C-alpha cells in the first residue's frame, strides 16, 4: 500500500483543468493538499474540490469518500462563472493528477 499524495510523485493537471482554470488556482490546489491536508487528514487516492463563489472570490471546499472531514479555504483569486464547479485530485500510486469529473469518467 502506498501513501496517497506524496510530494515526490510527478504531478499533472489534465487538459480540461489547464484550459478552464488559471495556473495560480491549480497550484493552490496542490498547496492545499500539501499544507492543509497531508499529515492532518488521512487521505484516500481520490479527493474532491468544489469551487465556490464567495462574494466574487474563490473558496475551495475539500471532501472525500468515507470521511466526514470537510474543509473550506478562501483564496484571494477572483471567481469566474466559467470555472468548473468541481475538480478531482487522483493519485494512482505513480502520478498525481488534477482533473475534471468528466475526464475521470472517460478513464474508467
Protein backbone atom coordinates (compact mmCIF):
# COMPACT_ATOMS: atom_id res chain seq x y z
CA UNK A 1 0.00 0.00 0.00
CA UNK A 2 1.23 3.48 -0.81
CA UNK A 3 0.75 6.78 0.97
CA UNK A 4 -1.60 8.99 -1.04
CA UNK A 5 -0.34 12.32 -2.34
CA UNK A 6 3.37 12.02 -1.74
CA UNK A 7 5.14 15.18 -2.94
CA UNK A 8 7.87 13.03 -4.53
CA UNK A 9 5.46 11.82 -7.26
CA UNK A 10 5.03 13.59 -10.56
CA UNK A 11 2.07 15.94 -10.57
CA UNK A 12 -0.12 16.88 -13.51
CA UNK A 13 -3.23 18.80 -14.40
CA UNK A 14 -5.44 17.50 -17.18
CA UNK A 15 -6.07 19.42 -20.38
CA UNK A 16 -9.59 20.24 -19.19
CA UNK A 17 -8.29 21.70 -15.94
CA UNK A 18 -5.48 23.65 -17.60
CA UNK A 19 -7.89 25.12 -20.15
CA UNK A 20 -10.51 26.11 -17.55
CA UNK A 21 -8.51 27.34 -14.52
CA UNK A 22 -5.66 29.81 -14.05
CA UNK A 23 -2.33 28.27 -13.10
CA UNK A 24 -2.38 30.07 -9.72
CA UNK A 25 -5.59 28.26 -8.79
CA UNK A 26 -4.20 24.90 -9.92
CA UNK A 27 -1.06 25.50 -7.86
CA UNK A 28 -3.25 26.43 -4.89
CA UNK A 29 -4.98 23.03 -5.01
CA UNK A 30 -1.59 21.30 -4.69
CA UNK A 31 -0.66 23.65 -1.83
CA UNK A 32 -3.93 22.89 -0.03
CA UNK A 33 -3.15 19.17 -0.32
CA UNK A 34 0.44 19.62 0.89
CA UNK A 35 0.00 22.25 3.59
CA UNK A 36 -3.57 21.87 4.88
CA UNK A 37 -4.49 18.21 4.34
CA UNK A 38 -1.40 16.00 4.21
CA UNK A 39 -0.49 14.77 7.68
CA UNK A 40 -3.66 16.28 9.14
CA UNK A 41 -6.36 14.21 7.43
CA UNK A 42 -5.92 10.57 6.31
CA UNK A 43 -6.20 10.94 2.54
CA UNK A 44 -7.65 8.46 0.07
CA UNK A 45 -6.43 8.35 -3.51
CA UNK A 46 -9.38 10.48 -4.72
CA UNK A 47 -10.01 13.97 -3.35
CA UNK A 48 -12.92 16.24 -4.26
CA UNK A 49 -12.70 20.01 -4.51
CA UNK A 50 -15.74 22.19 -5.12
CA UNK A 51 -15.04 25.68 -6.43
CA UNK A 52 -17.46 28.09 -4.79
CA UNK A 53 -18.22 31.76 -5.43
CA UNK A 54 -17.65 33.57 -2.13
CA UNK A 55 -18.51 37.23 -2.75
CA UNK A 56 -16.56 37.27 -6.00
CA UNK A 57 -13.57 35.29 -4.70
CA UNK A 58 -12.82 31.56 -4.91
CA UNK A 59 -13.46 29.28 -1.96
CA UNK A 60 -12.20 25.71 -2.35
CA UNK A 61 -14.24 23.11 -0.46
CA UNK A 62 -12.48 19.76 0.17
CA UNK A 63 -14.18 16.41 0.79
CA UNK A 64 -13.53 12.72 0.13
CA UNK A 65 -15.46 9.46 0.27
CA UNK A 66 -15.63 7.53 3.54
CA UNK A 67 -14.75 10.62 5.58
CA UNK A 68 -16.79 13.15 7.50
CA UNK A 69 -13.92 15.65 7.35
CA UNK A 70 -14.57 18.65 5.12
CA UNK A 71 -12.60 21.84 4.81
CA UNK A 72 -13.17 25.15 3.04
CA UNK A 73 -10.34 27.52 2.21
CA UNK A 74 -10.82 31.04 0.93
CA UNK A 75 -8.41 32.10 -1.80
CA UNK A 76 -7.59 35.62 -3.00
CA UNK A 77 -8.42 34.86 -6.63
CA UNK A 78 -11.45 36.29 -8.44
CA UNK A 79 -14.20 33.75 -9.09
CA UNK A 80 -15.43 33.15 -12.63
CA UNK A 81 -18.69 31.51 -13.63
CA UNK A 82 -16.61 29.81 -16.33
CA UNK A 83 -14.77 27.72 -13.74
CA UNK A 84 -15.84 24.10 -13.29
CA UNK A 85 -17.92 23.55 -10.16
CA UNK A 86 -15.85 20.54 -9.09
CA UNK A 87 -12.43 19.07 -9.73
CA UNK A 88 -10.80 15.86 -8.53
CA UNK A 89 -7.27 15.09 -7.43
CA UNK A 90 -6.34 11.47 -8.16
CA UNK A 91 -3.26 9.54 -7.04
CA UNK A 92 -2.69 6.23 -8.82
CA UNK A 93 0.49 5.46 -6.87
CA UNK A 94 2.79 6.70 -9.63
CA UNK A 95 1.29 10.02 -10.73
CA UNK A 96 -0.98 12.61 -9.18
CA UNK A 97 -3.43 14.40 -11.44
CA UNK A 98 -5.99 17.14 -11.04
CA UNK A 99 -8.84 16.54 -13.46
CA UNK A 100 -12.46 17.32 -14.21
CA UNK A 101 -15.18 14.82 -13.23
CA UNK A 102 -15.96 14.21 -16.91
CA UNK A 103 -12.33 13.34 -17.56
CA UNK A 104 -12.35 10.84 -14.71
CA UNK A 105 -15.36 9.13 -16.26
CA UNK A 106 -13.51 8.91 -19.58
CA UNK A 107 -10.66 6.99 -17.89
CA UNK A 108 -12.91 4.37 -16.23
